[in-house]
């Protein structure tokens, strides 16, 4: 699917009732299938559990790295250096995702948008918004990946 460009005006998704809505990247949050980024969590509970599970290893790994380095055990120090980078990086990424989802929820709430569940193509969205006008203009800038020509092209 061609929806991986980060410079798009809108990303399109269906809600649980199969209505199509237009979301900005900031409004998307954790959403359904991600049109950008590489996260696999789909909701706050899942991401919260991941962050909680990474908290103890993220705190313990640097301590064990220092103990391995002080004890002059290079194997242990190297192992916990790698663990520190992985667990702490994962924890920070998870916290950033949670904060992004909280911001996205506020933005979606302001516009009355539901949580995005299933991403749709620009052609599917264009067909929907043509049949249900009023939300966004039917122009190339809003449907950059549409394969059908626009009037005047």
N, C-alpha and C. Protein backbone atom coordinates (compact mmCIF):
# COMPACT_ATOMS: atom_id res chain seq x y z
N UNK A 1 0.85 -1.17 0.00
CA UNK A 1 0.00 0.00 0.00
C UNK A 1 0.89 1.22 0.00
N UNK A 2 0.51 2.27 -0.72
CA UNK A 2 1.34 3.44 -0.87
C UNK A 2 1.15 4.47 0.21
N UNK A 3 0.61 4.14 1.36
CA UNK A 3 0.30 5.13 2.38
C UNK A 3 1.44 5.36 3.36
N UNK A 4 2.65 5.06 2.99
CA UNK A 4 3.77 5.15 3.93
C UNK A 4 4.45 6.51 3.91
N UNK A 5 4.01 7.43 3.08
CA UNK A 5 4.64 8.74 3.01
C UNK A 5 4.25 9.57 4.22
N UNK A 6 5.23 10.18 4.85
CA UNK A 6 4.97 10.98 6.04
C UNK A 6 4.55 12.40 5.71
N UNK A 7 4.66 12.83 4.44
CA UNK A 7 4.33 14.21 4.08
C UNK A 7 2.91 14.36 3.54
N UNK A 8 2.07 13.40 3.77
CA UNK A 8 0.68 13.43 3.31
C UNK A 8 -0.15 14.34 4.21
N UNK A 9 -1.23 14.86 3.63
CA UNK A 9 -2.15 15.67 4.44
C UNK A 9 -3.01 14.77 5.32
N UNK A 10 -3.48 13.64 4.76
CA UNK A 10 -4.40 12.76 5.50
C UNK A 10 -4.05 11.29 5.31
N UNK A 11 -4.40 10.53 6.32
CA UNK A 11 -4.40 9.07 6.27
C UNK A 11 -5.85 8.67 6.47
N UNK A 12 -6.26 7.61 5.81
CA UNK A 12 -7.67 7.24 5.84
C UNK A 12 -7.86 5.89 6.51
N UNK A 13 -8.91 5.80 7.31
CA UNK A 13 -9.20 4.54 8.00
C UNK A 13 -10.69 4.42 8.24
N UNK A 14 -11.11 3.17 8.40
CA UNK A 14 -12.49 2.87 8.76
C UNK A 14 -12.59 2.77 10.27
N UNK A 15 -13.74 3.12 10.77
CA UNK A 15 -14.01 2.85 12.18
C UNK A 15 -14.67 1.48 12.27
N UNK A 16 -15.15 1.11 13.42
CA UNK A 16 -15.76 -0.20 13.61
C UNK A 16 -17.09 -0.34 12.86
N UNK A 17 -17.69 0.78 12.43
CA UNK A 17 -18.94 0.75 11.66
C UNK A 17 -18.71 0.87 10.16
N UNK A 18 -17.46 0.76 9.73
CA UNK A 18 -17.05 0.81 8.31
C UNK A 18 -17.25 2.18 7.66
N UNK A 19 -17.33 3.23 8.47
CA UNK A 19 -17.32 4.59 7.93
C UNK A 19 -15.87 5.00 7.77
N UNK A 20 -15.56 5.79 6.77
CA UNK A 20 -14.19 6.20 6.51
C UNK A 20 -14.00 7.63 7.00
N UNK A 21 -12.88 7.85 7.67
CA UNK A 21 -12.53 9.16 8.21
C UNK A 21 -11.13 9.53 7.76
N UNK A 22 -10.86 10.83 7.72
CA UNK A 22 -9.54 11.35 7.37
C UNK A 22 -8.85 11.80 8.65
N UNK A 23 -7.62 11.32 8.83
CA UNK A 23 -6.83 11.63 10.02
C UNK A 23 -5.51 12.27 9.61
N UNK A 24 -5.06 13.24 10.38
CA UNK A 24 -3.70 13.72 10.19
C UNK A 24 -2.77 12.73 10.89
N UNK A 25 -1.48 12.84 10.64
CA UNK A 25 -0.55 11.92 11.28
C UNK A 25 -0.60 12.07 12.80
N UNK A 26 -0.77 13.29 13.29
CA UNK A 26 -0.84 13.51 14.74
C UNK A 26 -2.10 12.91 15.35
N UNK A 27 -3.18 12.81 14.58
CA UNK A 27 -4.44 12.27 15.09
C UNK A 27 -4.48 10.74 15.06
N UNK A 28 -3.58 10.12 14.33
CA UNK A 28 -3.64 8.67 14.14
C UNK A 28 -3.37 7.91 15.43
N UNK A 29 -2.33 8.26 16.16
CA UNK A 29 -1.99 7.57 17.41
C UNK A 29 -1.59 6.13 17.17
N UNK A 30 -1.95 5.23 18.09
CA UNK A 30 -1.61 3.81 17.94
C UNK A 30 -2.47 3.14 16.88
N UNK A 31 -3.72 3.56 16.75
CA UNK A 31 -4.59 3.16 15.67
C UNK A 31 -4.58 1.70 15.27
N UNK A 32 -5.10 1.44 14.09
CA UNK A 32 -5.12 0.09 13.51
C UNK A 32 -3.80 -0.20 12.86
N UNK A 33 -3.82 -0.67 11.65
CA UNK A 33 -2.59 -0.91 10.90
C UNK A 33 -1.91 0.44 10.70
N UNK A 34 -0.66 0.54 11.03
CA UNK A 34 0.03 1.82 10.96
C UNK A 34 0.37 2.18 9.52
N UNK A 35 -0.01 3.36 9.06
CA UNK A 35 0.40 3.81 7.74
C UNK A 35 1.80 4.41 7.77
N UNK A 36 2.40 4.53 8.93
CA UNK A 36 3.73 5.08 9.08
C UNK A 36 4.31 4.48 10.36
N UNK A 37 5.60 4.54 10.53
CA UNK A 37 6.23 3.98 11.73
C UNK A 37 6.27 2.46 11.69
N UNK A 38 6.63 1.83 12.79
CA UNK A 38 6.76 0.37 12.79
C UNK A 38 6.26 -0.26 14.08
N UNK A 39 5.31 0.34 14.76
CA UNK A 39 4.82 -0.21 16.00
C UNK A 39 3.78 -1.29 15.72
N UNK A 40 3.72 -2.29 16.58
CA UNK A 40 2.73 -3.35 16.40
C UNK A 40 1.62 -3.28 17.43
N UNK A 41 1.77 -2.50 18.48
CA UNK A 41 0.72 -2.38 19.48
C UNK A 41 -0.47 -1.65 18.88
N UNK A 42 -1.66 -2.08 19.22
CA UNK A 42 -2.86 -1.48 18.65
C UNK A 42 -3.67 -0.70 19.67
N UNK A 43 -3.31 -0.79 20.95
CA UNK A 43 -4.10 -0.06 21.94
C UNK A 43 -3.24 0.30 23.15
N UNK A 44 -3.82 1.15 23.99
CA UNK A 44 -3.09 1.65 25.15
C UNK A 44 -2.75 0.54 26.14
N UNK A 45 -3.65 -0.40 26.35
CA UNK A 45 -3.40 -1.48 27.30
C UNK A 45 -2.19 -2.30 26.88
N UNK A 46 -2.13 -2.69 25.62
CA UNK A 46 -1.00 -3.47 25.14
C UNK A 46 0.31 -2.71 25.30
N UNK A 47 0.32 -1.46 24.87
CA UNK A 47 1.54 -0.68 24.97
C UNK A 47 1.91 -0.43 26.43
N UNK A 48 0.94 -0.24 27.30
CA UNK A 48 1.22 -0.05 28.73
C UNK A 48 1.84 -1.30 29.33
N UNK A 49 1.35 -2.47 28.94
CA UNK A 49 1.92 -3.72 29.43
C UNK A 49 3.35 -3.91 28.93
N UNK A 50 3.61 -3.53 27.69
CA UNK A 50 4.98 -3.62 27.16
C UNK A 50 5.91 -2.71 27.95
N UNK A 51 5.47 -1.47 28.17
CA UNK A 51 6.29 -0.52 28.93
C UNK A 51 6.52 -1.02 30.36
N UNK A 52 5.47 -1.53 31.00
CA UNK A 52 5.61 -2.05 32.36
C UNK A 52 6.58 -3.22 32.39
N UNK A 53 6.48 -4.10 31.40
CA UNK A 53 7.38 -5.25 31.35
C UNK A 53 8.83 -4.87 31.11
N UNK A 54 9.07 -3.76 30.44
CA UNK A 54 10.44 -3.32 30.17
C UNK A 54 11.03 -2.46 31.28
N UNK A 55 10.22 -2.03 32.23
CA UNK A 55 10.69 -1.10 33.26
C UNK A 55 11.78 -1.72 34.13
N UNK A 56 11.55 -2.89 34.67
CA UNK A 56 12.55 -3.51 35.56
C UNK A 56 13.84 -3.84 34.81
N UNK A 57 13.79 -4.49 33.63
CA UNK A 57 15.05 -4.73 32.91
C UNK A 57 15.76 -3.44 32.50
N UNK A 58 14.97 -2.39 32.17
CA UNK A 58 15.59 -1.13 31.78
C UNK A 58 16.32 -0.48 32.96
N UNK A 59 15.82 -0.69 34.17
CA UNK A 59 16.48 -0.14 35.35
C UNK A 59 17.63 -1.04 35.84
N UNK A 60 17.47 -2.35 35.72
CA UNK A 60 18.47 -3.28 36.24
C UNK A 60 19.68 -3.42 35.33
N UNK A 61 19.49 -3.34 34.03
CA UNK A 61 20.60 -3.55 33.10
C UNK A 61 21.76 -2.58 33.29
N UNK A 62 21.53 -1.27 33.44
CA UNK A 62 22.66 -0.37 33.66
C UNK A 62 23.41 -0.67 34.96
N UNK A 63 22.67 -1.07 36.00
CA UNK A 63 23.30 -1.41 37.28
C UNK A 63 24.21 -2.63 37.10
N UNK A 64 23.69 -3.64 36.42
CA UNK A 64 24.48 -4.85 36.19
C UNK A 64 25.65 -4.59 35.25
N UNK A 65 25.48 -3.67 34.30
CA UNK A 65 26.60 -3.28 33.43
C UNK A 65 27.73 -2.67 34.26
N UNK A 66 27.37 -1.76 35.16
CA UNK A 66 28.38 -1.11 36.01
C UNK A 66 29.06 -2.15 36.90
N UNK A 67 28.29 -3.07 37.48
CA UNK A 67 28.88 -4.12 38.31
C UNK A 67 29.83 -5.00 37.52
N UNK A 68 29.47 -5.32 36.27
CA UNK A 68 30.36 -6.12 35.42
C UNK A 68 31.62 -5.36 35.06
N UNK A 69 31.50 -4.06 34.81
CA UNK A 69 32.67 -3.24 34.47
C UNK A 69 33.58 -3.06 35.67
N UNK A 70 33.00 -2.82 36.85
CA UNK A 70 33.79 -2.65 38.07
C UNK A 70 34.49 -3.96 38.44
N UNK A 71 33.81 -5.09 38.22
CA UNK A 71 34.39 -6.40 38.52
C UNK A 71 35.36 -6.87 37.46
N UNK A 72 35.62 -6.03 36.46
CA UNK A 72 36.55 -6.36 35.37
C UNK A 72 36.17 -7.66 34.66
N UNK A 73 34.89 -7.85 34.47
CA UNK A 73 34.40 -9.01 33.73
C UNK A 73 33.84 -8.49 32.40
N UNK A 74 34.67 -8.50 31.35
CA UNK A 74 34.24 -7.88 30.09
C UNK A 74 33.04 -8.58 29.44
N UNK A 75 32.91 -9.89 29.61
CA UNK A 75 31.77 -10.61 29.02
C UNK A 75 30.45 -10.16 29.63
N UNK A 76 30.41 -10.07 30.95
CA UNK A 76 29.20 -9.63 31.64
C UNK A 76 28.92 -8.16 31.33
N UNK A 77 29.98 -7.34 31.32
CA UNK A 77 29.80 -5.92 31.03
C UNK A 77 29.25 -5.73 29.62
N UNK A 78 29.78 -6.45 28.64
CA UNK A 78 29.32 -6.33 27.26
C UNK A 78 27.86 -6.81 27.12
N UNK A 79 27.55 -7.92 27.76
CA UNK A 79 26.18 -8.43 27.72
C UNK A 79 25.20 -7.41 28.27
N UNK A 80 25.52 -6.83 29.42
CA UNK A 80 24.58 -5.88 30.02
C UNK A 80 24.63 -4.51 29.37
N UNK A 81 25.69 -4.19 28.65
CA UNK A 81 25.69 -2.98 27.83
C UNK A 81 24.66 -3.13 26.71
N UNK A 82 24.68 -4.29 26.05
CA UNK A 82 23.69 -4.55 24.99
C UNK A 82 22.27 -4.57 25.58
N UNK A 83 22.09 -5.23 26.71
CA UNK A 83 20.77 -5.26 27.37
C UNK A 83 20.31 -3.86 27.75
N UNK A 84 21.23 -3.04 28.23
CA UNK A 84 20.89 -1.66 28.60
C UNK A 84 20.37 -0.90 27.39
N UNK A 85 21.08 -1.03 26.27
CA UNK A 85 20.66 -0.33 25.06
C UNK A 85 19.29 -0.82 24.57
N UNK A 86 19.10 -2.12 24.56
CA UNK A 86 17.83 -2.69 24.07
C UNK A 86 16.66 -2.38 24.99
N UNK A 87 16.79 -2.68 26.27
CA UNK A 87 15.67 -2.50 27.19
C UNK A 87 15.35 -1.03 27.42
N UNK A 88 16.37 -0.21 27.58
CA UNK A 88 16.13 1.22 27.81
C UNK A 88 15.57 1.86 26.54
N UNK A 89 16.12 1.49 25.39
CA UNK A 89 15.60 2.02 24.12
C UNK A 89 14.15 1.61 23.91
N UNK A 90 13.83 0.36 24.18
CA UNK A 90 12.45 -0.11 24.04
C UNK A 90 11.51 0.59 25.00
N UNK A 91 11.98 0.79 26.22
CA UNK A 91 11.16 1.48 27.22
C UNK A 91 10.89 2.92 26.78
N UNK A 92 11.93 3.62 26.33
CA UNK A 92 11.76 5.01 25.89
C UNK A 92 10.84 5.09 24.67
N UNK A 93 10.97 4.17 23.74
CA UNK A 93 10.09 4.14 22.58
C UNK A 93 8.64 3.89 22.99
N UNK A 94 8.44 2.98 23.94
CA UNK A 94 7.09 2.70 24.44
C UNK A 94 6.48 3.91 25.12
N UNK A 95 7.24 4.59 25.95
CA UNK A 95 6.74 5.80 26.63
C UNK A 95 6.40 6.87 25.61
N UNK A 96 7.25 7.03 24.60
CA UNK A 96 6.98 8.01 23.55
C UNK A 96 5.69 7.65 22.80
N UNK A 97 5.46 6.37 22.53
CA UNK A 97 4.24 5.93 21.86
C UNK A 97 3.01 6.21 22.71
N UNK A 98 3.11 5.96 23.99
CA UNK A 98 1.98 6.23 24.89
C UNK A 98 1.65 7.73 24.93
N UNK A 99 2.67 8.54 25.00
CA UNK A 99 2.44 9.99 25.00
C UNK A 99 1.83 10.45 23.69
N UNK A 100 2.31 9.88 22.57
CA UNK A 100 1.75 10.21 21.27
C UNK A 100 0.28 9.82 21.16
N UNK A 101 -0.06 8.65 21.71
CA UNK A 101 -1.45 8.20 21.68
C UNK A 101 -2.34 9.10 22.52
N UNK A 102 -1.84 9.55 23.67
CA UNK A 102 -2.63 10.47 24.50
C UNK A 102 -2.88 11.79 23.76
N UNK A 103 -1.85 12.31 23.08
CA UNK A 103 -2.03 13.53 22.29
C UNK A 103 -3.01 13.29 21.14
N UNK A 104 -2.88 12.14 20.47
CA UNK A 104 -3.77 11.81 19.35
C UNK A 104 -5.22 11.70 19.82
N UNK A 105 -5.43 11.10 20.98
CA UNK A 105 -6.79 10.99 21.51
C UNK A 105 -7.41 12.36 21.73
N UNK A 106 -6.62 13.29 22.27
CA UNK A 106 -7.13 14.65 22.48
C UNK A 106 -7.48 15.31 21.16
N UNK A 107 -6.62 15.15 20.16
CA UNK A 107 -6.88 15.75 18.85
C UNK A 107 -8.09 15.12 18.18
N UNK A 108 -8.21 13.78 18.27
CA UNK A 108 -9.37 13.10 17.68
C UNK A 108 -10.66 13.55 18.38
N UNK A 109 -10.58 13.69 19.69
CA UNK A 109 -11.76 14.12 20.46
C UNK A 109 -12.22 15.51 20.02
N UNK A 110 -11.28 16.42 19.78
CA UNK A 110 -11.62 17.78 19.34
C UNK A 110 -12.38 17.77 18.02
N UNK A 111 -11.99 16.86 17.10
CA UNK A 111 -12.66 16.79 15.79
C UNK A 111 -13.79 15.77 15.76
N UNK A 112 -14.03 15.08 16.86
CA UNK A 112 -15.10 14.09 16.90
C UNK A 112 -14.80 12.84 16.10
N UNK A 113 -13.52 12.49 15.97
CA UNK A 113 -13.12 11.32 15.19
C UNK A 113 -13.05 10.08 16.08
N UNK A 114 -13.48 8.94 15.57
CA UNK A 114 -13.30 7.69 16.32
C UNK A 114 -11.87 7.19 16.15
N UNK A 115 -11.51 6.19 16.93
CA UNK A 115 -10.20 5.57 16.80
C UNK A 115 -10.11 4.87 15.44
N UNK A 116 -9.01 5.05 14.70
CA UNK A 116 -8.90 4.36 13.42
C UNK A 116 -8.67 2.87 13.63
N UNK A 117 -9.41 2.05 12.90
CA UNK A 117 -9.27 0.60 13.05
C UNK A 117 -8.60 -0.05 11.85
N UNK A 118 -9.06 0.24 10.65
CA UNK A 118 -8.53 -0.41 9.46
C UNK A 118 -8.15 0.65 8.44
N UNK A 119 -6.91 0.68 8.03
CA UNK A 119 -6.47 1.64 7.03
C UNK A 119 -7.11 1.30 5.68
N UNK A 120 -7.43 2.32 4.92
CA UNK A 120 -7.98 2.12 3.58
C UNK A 120 -7.11 2.89 2.59
N UNK A 121 -7.18 2.50 1.32
CA UNK A 121 -6.39 3.15 0.29
C UNK A 121 -6.97 4.51 -0.05
N UNK A 122 -6.19 5.31 -0.74
CA UNK A 122 -6.68 6.61 -1.17
C UNK A 122 -7.86 6.47 -2.13
N UNK A 123 -7.84 5.44 -2.98
CA UNK A 123 -8.95 5.23 -3.90
C UNK A 123 -10.24 4.88 -3.16
N UNK A 124 -10.14 4.02 -2.15
CA UNK A 124 -11.32 3.68 -1.35
C UNK A 124 -11.84 4.92 -0.62
N UNK A 125 -10.93 5.70 -0.05
CA UNK A 125 -11.34 6.91 0.68
C UNK A 125 -11.95 7.93 -0.27
N UNK A 126 -11.35 8.08 -1.44
CA UNK A 126 -11.89 9.04 -2.41
C UNK A 126 -13.30 8.64 -2.82
N UNK A 127 -13.52 7.37 -3.05
CA UNK A 127 -14.85 6.88 -3.41
C UNK A 127 -15.86 7.18 -2.28
N UNK A 128 -15.44 6.94 -1.03
CA UNK A 128 -16.30 7.21 0.12
C UNK A 128 -16.63 8.70 0.24
N UNK A 129 -15.60 9.55 0.17
CA UNK A 129 -15.82 10.99 0.35
C UNK A 129 -16.55 11.62 -0.83
N UNK A 130 -16.46 11.00 -2.00
CA UNK A 130 -17.25 11.47 -3.14
C UNK A 130 -18.73 11.16 -2.90
N UNK A 131 -19.01 9.98 -2.37
CA UNK A 131 -20.40 9.59 -2.07
C UNK A 131 -20.93 10.28 -0.82
N UNK A 132 -20.05 10.69 0.09
CA UNK A 132 -20.43 11.34 1.36
C UNK A 132 -19.67 12.66 1.48
N UNK A 133 -20.02 13.68 0.69
CA UNK A 133 -19.23 14.92 0.68
C UNK A 133 -19.35 15.72 1.97
N UNK A 134 -18.41 16.64 2.13
CA UNK A 134 -18.48 17.57 3.23
C UNK A 134 -17.29 17.56 4.17
N UNK A 135 -16.60 16.43 4.32
CA UNK A 135 -15.49 16.36 5.27
C UNK A 135 -14.22 16.98 4.72
N UNK A 136 -13.79 16.52 3.56
CA UNK A 136 -12.56 17.04 2.95
C UNK A 136 -12.80 17.24 1.46
N UNK A 137 -12.01 18.12 0.87
CA UNK A 137 -12.13 18.40 -0.56
C UNK A 137 -11.56 17.24 -1.37
N UNK A 138 -12.20 16.96 -2.50
CA UNK A 138 -11.76 15.88 -3.38
C UNK A 138 -10.74 16.47 -4.36
N UNK A 139 -9.51 16.61 -3.89
CA UNK A 139 -8.42 17.14 -4.70
C UNK A 139 -7.21 16.23 -4.56
N UNK A 140 -6.28 16.32 -5.52
CA UNK A 140 -5.09 15.46 -5.54
C UNK A 140 -4.28 15.59 -4.26
N UNK A 141 -4.18 16.77 -3.68
CA UNK A 141 -3.37 16.96 -2.46
C UNK A 141 -3.90 16.13 -1.28
N UNK A 142 -5.19 15.87 -1.25
CA UNK A 142 -5.76 15.08 -0.15
C UNK A 142 -5.73 13.58 -0.43
N UNK A 143 -5.60 13.20 -1.67
CA UNK A 143 -5.59 11.78 -2.07
C UNK A 143 -4.37 11.54 -2.96
N UNK A 144 -3.19 11.74 -2.40
CA UNK A 144 -1.96 11.72 -3.18
C UNK A 144 -1.66 10.39 -3.85
N UNK A 145 -2.13 9.29 -3.30
CA UNK A 145 -1.84 7.97 -3.85
C UNK A 145 -2.98 7.43 -4.72
N UNK A 146 -3.97 8.24 -5.01
CA UNK A 146 -5.10 7.79 -5.83
C UNK A 146 -4.62 7.49 -7.25
N UNK A 147 -5.09 6.36 -7.78
CA UNK A 147 -4.68 5.96 -9.13
C UNK A 147 -5.62 6.49 -10.21
N UNK A 148 -6.77 7.00 -9.82
CA UNK A 148 -7.74 7.51 -10.79
C UNK A 148 -7.50 8.99 -11.02
N UNK A 149 -7.66 9.46 -12.29
CA UNK A 149 -7.42 10.88 -12.57
C UNK A 149 -8.48 11.77 -11.93
N UNK A 150 -8.06 12.98 -11.61
CA UNK A 150 -8.96 14.00 -11.08
C UNK A 150 -9.42 14.88 -12.22
N UNK A 151 -10.54 15.56 -12.08
CA UNK A 151 -10.98 16.48 -13.14
C UNK A 151 -9.90 17.52 -13.40
N UNK A 152 -9.61 17.74 -14.67
CA UNK A 152 -8.60 18.73 -15.06
C UNK A 152 -7.21 18.15 -15.18
N UNK A 153 -7.03 16.86 -14.93
CA UNK A 153 -5.70 16.26 -15.06
C UNK A 153 -5.52 15.68 -16.45
